[in-house]
Amino acid sequence: MIIVLFFIAHWYLSLLMQTFFLHRYAAHKMFTMSPAWEKTFYIFTWLFQGSSFLSPYAYGVMHRLHHAYVDTENDPHSPSFSSSLMDMMWKTKNYYNNIVKRTDSIDPKFKKGVPHWEFMEKIGDSWISRIGWGILYILIYVQFATSWWMFLLIPIHFLMGPVHGAIINWFAHKYGYVNFKVDDTAKNLLPFDFLMMGESYHNNHHKYGGRANFGFKWHEFDPTYPFILMLNKLGIIKLKPNNDLNYM
């Protein structure tokens, strides 16, 4: 039972940082926050994503490219230009690494305003950090696992961030339903998004790229949006007056 709870906690806490901080803040700037809170959420991202820490800077830049060039050869992660899920993930990794290492030739407009804390980025992306988190996961499983099959979950812990990204970037461009006509293949993967905290309403998001609430229909509950409203109410973040506009 402890292992199941640990897996669920890691899944949703990691996903929360990805959808709230990396996606809705770093990439789209749907709300603002103080430099101190930005650094706080940087640390939370490292703590919750652990071994699969994704650079908010690289994620933000790459996601902006995805919206600008979706389903073209310049899209960092398009199923239309990848032979398989693994091929897409490998291409995404290369894009990501080039941005992290500053060896890219991306137009500066896509980098404007994207948060960057070099100290935390270096820690999160270091092999010492990734291996350290991985060892911690293994020790937890050795201590609390009650069946052999539980150990099969460990690789997902190692790659939690990329797994979350692959679910949306691959499957939500292949399967699902459409609320809005858009010039790409983005679809809503789940009618009730219990799995991806609103991220699976991908067609909605591609239609209204700056809208903080990804849900539209009565059944499309976005679990991240109440969290955003709570932080806005507490003064930790400030929602932009018109967040239906795209970041551009």
Protein backbone atom coordinates (compact mmCIF):
# COMPACT_ATOMS: atom_id res chain seq x y z
CA MET A 1 0.00 0.00 0.00
CA ILE A 2 2.86 2.39 0.80
CA ILE A 3 4.41 1.80 -2.63
CA VAL A 4 1.11 2.47 -4.41
CA LEU A 5 0.65 5.70 -2.47
CA PHE A 6 4.25 6.70 -3.18
CA PHE A 7 3.79 6.10 -6.91
CA ILE A 8 0.54 8.07 -7.02
CA ALA A 9 2.07 10.95 -5.05
CA HIS A 10 5.11 11.10 -7.33
CA TRP A 11 2.93 10.93 -10.46
CA TYR A 12 0.65 13.82 -9.49
CA LEU A 13 3.18 16.05 -7.74
CA SER A 14 5.58 15.78 -10.67
CA LEU A 15 2.71 16.41 -13.08
CA LEU A 16 1.51 19.41 -11.06
CA MET A 17 4.87 21.12 -11.44
CA GLN A 18 4.95 20.32 -15.14
CA THR A 19 1.48 21.66 -15.94
CA PHE A 20 1.46 24.55 -13.45
CA PHE A 21 5.04 25.83 -13.47
CA LEU A 22 6.69 24.60 -16.67
CA HIS A 23 3.70 24.74 -18.99
CA ARG A 24 1.26 27.41 -17.83
CA TYR A 25 3.88 29.71 -16.31
CA ALA A 26 7.26 29.21 -18.03
CA ALA A 27 5.90 28.66 -21.54
CA HIS A 28 2.68 30.67 -21.61
CA LYS A 29 2.98 33.17 -18.75
CA MET A 30 -0.72 32.83 -17.94
CA PHE A 31 0.05 34.43 -14.56
CA THR A 32 2.91 36.26 -12.89
CA MET A 33 4.76 35.65 -9.63
CA SER A 34 7.56 37.30 -7.67
CA PRO A 35 11.21 36.26 -8.21
CA ALA A 36 11.17 34.62 -4.76
CA TRP A 37 8.14 32.47 -5.57
CA GLU A 38 9.62 31.63 -8.97
CA LYS A 39 12.70 30.22 -7.23
CA THR A 40 10.47 28.40 -4.73
CA PHE A 41 8.62 26.62 -7.53
CA TYR A 42 11.96 25.85 -9.20
CA ILE A 43 12.91 23.98 -6.03
CA PHE A 44 9.52 22.26 -5.85
CA THR A 45 10.00 21.14 -9.47
CA TRP A 46 13.34 19.56 -8.55
CA LEU A 47 11.89 17.91 -5.43
CA PHE A 48 8.76 16.54 -7.10
CA GLN A 49 10.20 15.57 -10.50
CA GLY A 50 13.37 14.21 -8.97
CA SER A 51 15.45 12.14 -11.35
CA SER A 52 13.38 13.31 -14.34
CA PHE A 53 13.77 17.02 -13.58
CA LEU A 54 12.88 19.10 -16.63
CA SER A 55 14.46 22.51 -17.05
CA PRO A 56 11.69 25.14 -16.88
CA TYR A 57 13.74 27.21 -19.32
CA ALA A 58 14.21 24.46 -21.90
CA TYR A 59 10.63 23.26 -21.49
CA GLY A 60 9.25 26.78 -21.92
CA VAL A 61 11.23 27.47 -25.07
CA MET A 62 10.50 24.07 -26.59
CA HIS A 63 6.79 24.31 -25.87
CA ARG A 64 6.59 27.71 -27.53
CA LEU A 65 8.20 26.16 -30.60
CA HIS A 66 5.59 23.40 -30.50
CA HIS A 67 2.75 25.92 -30.68
CA ALA A 68 4.43 27.96 -33.39
CA TYR A 69 5.33 25.01 -35.62
CA VAL A 70 2.89 22.31 -34.55
CA ASP A 71 2.73 19.29 -36.86
CA THR A 72 5.50 20.56 -39.11
CA GLU A 73 9.10 19.42 -39.43
CA ASN A 74 10.12 22.25 -37.08
CA ASP A 75 7.90 20.95 -34.28
CA PRO A 76 10.17 19.55 -31.51
CA HIS A 77 7.79 16.66 -30.91
CA SER A 78 5.31 15.79 -33.63
CA PRO A 79 3.92 12.28 -34.25
CA SER A 80 3.45 13.40 -37.87
CA PHE A 81 7.23 13.57 -38.29
CA SER A 82 8.24 10.63 -36.09
CA SER A 83 8.17 6.96 -36.96
CA SER A 84 7.30 5.85 -33.42
CA LEU A 85 6.76 7.06 -29.89
CA MET A 86 10.38 6.29 -29.01
CA ASP A 87 11.61 8.14 -32.10
CA MET A 88 9.62 11.23 -31.05
CA MET A 89 10.95 11.05 -27.48
CA TRP A 90 14.52 10.77 -28.77
CA LYS A 91 14.10 13.80 -31.01
CA THR A 92 12.55 15.71 -28.11
CA LYS A 93 15.51 14.80 -25.90
CA ASN A 94 17.94 16.16 -28.50
CA TYR A 95 15.98 19.41 -28.80
CA TYR A 96 15.90 19.70 -25.03
CA ASN A 97 19.64 19.09 -24.63
CA ASN A 98 20.54 21.66 -27.28
CA ILE A 99 18.49 24.31 -25.47
CA VAL A 100 19.93 23.40 -22.07
CA LYS A 101 23.49 23.50 -23.43
CA ARG A 102 22.82 26.74 -25.36
CA THR A 103 23.90 25.12 -28.64
CA ASP A 104 20.60 25.87 -30.37
CA SER A 105 19.89 28.45 -33.07
CA ILE A 106 16.34 29.24 -31.96
CA ASP A 107 14.89 32.68 -32.65
CA PRO A 108 15.30 34.83 -29.48
CA LYS A 109 11.59 35.73 -29.52
CA PHE A 110 10.80 32.24 -28.24
CA LYS A 111 13.10 32.76 -25.25
CA LYS A 112 11.73 36.12 -24.17
CA GLY A 113 10.52 36.10 -20.57
CA VAL A 114 11.15 32.39 -20.00
CA PRO A 115 12.38 31.88 -16.39
CA HIS A 116 15.96 30.76 -15.93
CA TRP A 117 17.73 30.04 -12.65
CA GLU A 118 21.12 28.70 -13.70
CA PHE A 119 22.05 27.37 -10.25
CA MET A 120 18.94 25.21 -9.91
CA GLU A 121 19.03 24.17 -13.55
CA LYS A 122 22.57 22.84 -13.15
CA ILE A 123 21.64 20.93 -10.00
CA GLY A 124 18.49 19.40 -11.46
CA ASP A 125 20.14 18.43 -14.72
CA SER A 126 23.29 16.96 -13.14
CA TRP A 127 23.91 13.23 -13.15
CA ILE A 128 24.68 13.34 -9.42
CA SER A 129 21.15 14.61 -8.79
CA ARG A 130 19.47 12.18 -11.20
CA ILE A 131 21.35 9.14 -9.91
CA GLY A 132 20.82 10.23 -6.31
CA TRP A 133 17.06 10.45 -6.77
CA GLY A 134 17.10 7.09 -8.57
CA ILE A 135 18.90 5.42 -5.68
CA LEU A 136 16.36 6.90 -3.26
CA TYR A 137 13.47 5.44 -5.28
CA ILE A 138 15.11 2.01 -5.28
CA LEU A 139 15.72 2.14 -1.52
CA ILE A 140 12.07 3.03 -0.91
CA TYR A 141 10.96 0.06 -2.99
CA VAL A 142 13.41 -2.30 -1.28
CA GLN A 143 12.08 -1.18 2.08
CA PHE A 144 8.34 -1.13 1.37
CA ALA A 145 7.56 -3.25 -1.72
CA THR A 146 5.41 -6.27 -0.88
CA SER A 147 5.40 -7.93 -4.31
CA TRP A 148 7.84 -8.36 -7.19
CA TRP A 149 5.59 -6.59 -9.71
CA MET A 150 5.94 -3.32 -7.82
CA PHE A 151 9.58 -3.08 -8.90
CA LEU A 152 8.33 -2.75 -12.50
CA LEU A 153 7.15 0.74 -11.59
CA ILE A 154 10.67 2.01 -10.84
CA PRO A 155 11.57 2.90 -14.47
CA ILE A 156 8.49 5.15 -14.58
CA HIS A 157 9.82 7.03 -11.53
CA PHE A 158 13.14 7.50 -13.34
CA LEU A 159 11.43 9.00 -16.42
CA MET A 160 8.31 10.54 -14.89
CA GLY A 161 8.60 13.94 -16.61
CA PRO A 162 9.25 12.59 -20.14
CA VAL A 163 6.48 10.01 -19.66
CA HIS A 164 3.98 12.77 -18.90
CA GLY A 165 5.12 14.71 -21.94
CA ALA A 166 4.98 11.69 -24.24
CA ILE A 167 1.40 10.85 -23.23
CA ILE A 168 0.18 14.24 -24.45
CA ASN A 169 2.58 14.92 -27.30
CA TRP A 170 2.00 11.52 -28.90
CA PHE A 171 -1.40 10.17 -27.90
CA ALA A 172 -3.26 13.52 -27.76
CA HIS A 173 -2.23 14.15 -31.36
CA LYS A 174 -3.51 10.75 -32.46
CA TYR A 175 -6.54 9.83 -30.38
CA GLY A 176 -9.47 11.61 -28.77
CA TYR A 177 -12.21 14.07 -29.66
CA VAL A 178 -12.26 17.64 -30.93
CA ASN A 179 -14.17 20.64 -29.57
CA PHE A 180 -12.61 23.27 -31.82
CA LYS A 181 -11.34 23.37 -35.35
CA VAL A 182 -7.60 24.04 -35.32
CA ASP A 183 -4.87 23.83 -37.95
CA ASP A 184 -3.24 20.80 -36.37
CA THR A 185 -3.97 17.33 -35.01
CA ALA A 186 -4.41 18.26 -31.32
CA LYS A 187 -7.23 16.34 -29.66
CA ASN A 188 -8.78 16.05 -26.22
CA LEU A 189 -7.52 12.70 -25.03
CA LEU A 190 -9.86 12.19 -22.05
CA PRO A 191 -13.42 13.49 -21.49
CA PHE A 192 -12.69 13.61 -17.74
CA ASP A 193 -9.02 14.19 -17.12
CA PHE A 194 -8.32 12.26 -13.93
CA LEU A 195 -4.90 11.22 -15.25
CA MET A 196 -3.15 14.33 -16.59
CA MET A 197 -4.57 17.19 -14.46
CA GLY A 198 -6.11 19.03 -17.41
CA GLU A 199 -3.24 18.49 -19.86
CA SER A 200 -5.22 16.00 -21.93
CA TYR A 201 -7.63 18.75 -23.05
CA HIS A 202 -5.07 19.38 -25.76
CA ASN A 203 -7.44 20.52 -28.51
CA ASN A 204 -8.92 23.13 -26.16
CA HIS A 205 -5.44 24.33 -25.27
CA HIS A 206 -4.32 24.61 -28.89
CA LYS A 207 -7.38 26.72 -29.66
CA TYR A 208 -6.91 29.00 -26.63
CA GLY A 209 -3.21 28.78 -25.83
CA GLY A 210 -3.25 31.41 -23.10
CA ARG A 211 -6.35 30.27 -21.22
CA ALA A 212 -5.54 29.12 -17.69
CA ASN A 213 -8.52 26.77 -17.49
CA PHE A 214 -8.05 23.99 -20.05
CA GLY A 215 -11.59 22.62 -19.66
CA PHE A 216 -14.59 23.91 -21.63
CA LYS A 217 -17.48 21.44 -21.57
CA TRP A 218 -19.33 20.57 -18.36
CA HIS A 219 -17.46 17.28 -17.98
CA GLU A 220 -14.04 18.74 -18.71
CA PHE A 221 -12.77 19.43 -15.22
CA ASP A 222 -9.24 20.82 -15.09
CA PRO A 223 -7.85 19.90 -11.62
CA THR A 224 -4.99 22.37 -11.95
CA TYR A 225 -7.26 25.38 -12.40
CA PRO A 226 -8.66 25.43 -8.82
CA PHE A 227 -5.04 25.23 -7.61
CA ILE A 228 -4.23 28.29 -9.74
CA LEU A 229 -7.29 30.14 -8.41
CA MET A 230 -6.26 29.33 -4.84
CA LEU A 231 -2.71 30.65 -5.35
CA ASN A 232 -4.15 33.74 -7.03
CA LYS A 233 -6.47 34.29 -4.06
CA LEU A 234 -3.54 33.93 -1.65
CA GLY A 235 -1.50 36.46 -3.63
CA ILE A 236 1.23 33.95 -4.51
CA ILE A 237 0.53 34.41 -8.21
CA LYS A 238 -1.45 36.96 -10.19
CA LEU A 239 -3.63 35.76 -13.03
CA LYS A 240 -3.52 37.99 -16.08
CA PRO A 241 -6.79 39.87 -16.67
CA ASN A 242 -7.28 38.29 -20.09
CA ASN A 243 -5.66 34.84 -20.11
CA ASP A 244 -7.54 33.71 -23.22
CA LEU A 245 -4.86 35.35 -25.37
CA ASN A 246 -1.91 33.37 -26.60
CA TYR A 247 1.59 34.14 -25.28
CA MET A 248 2.54 35.77 -28.58
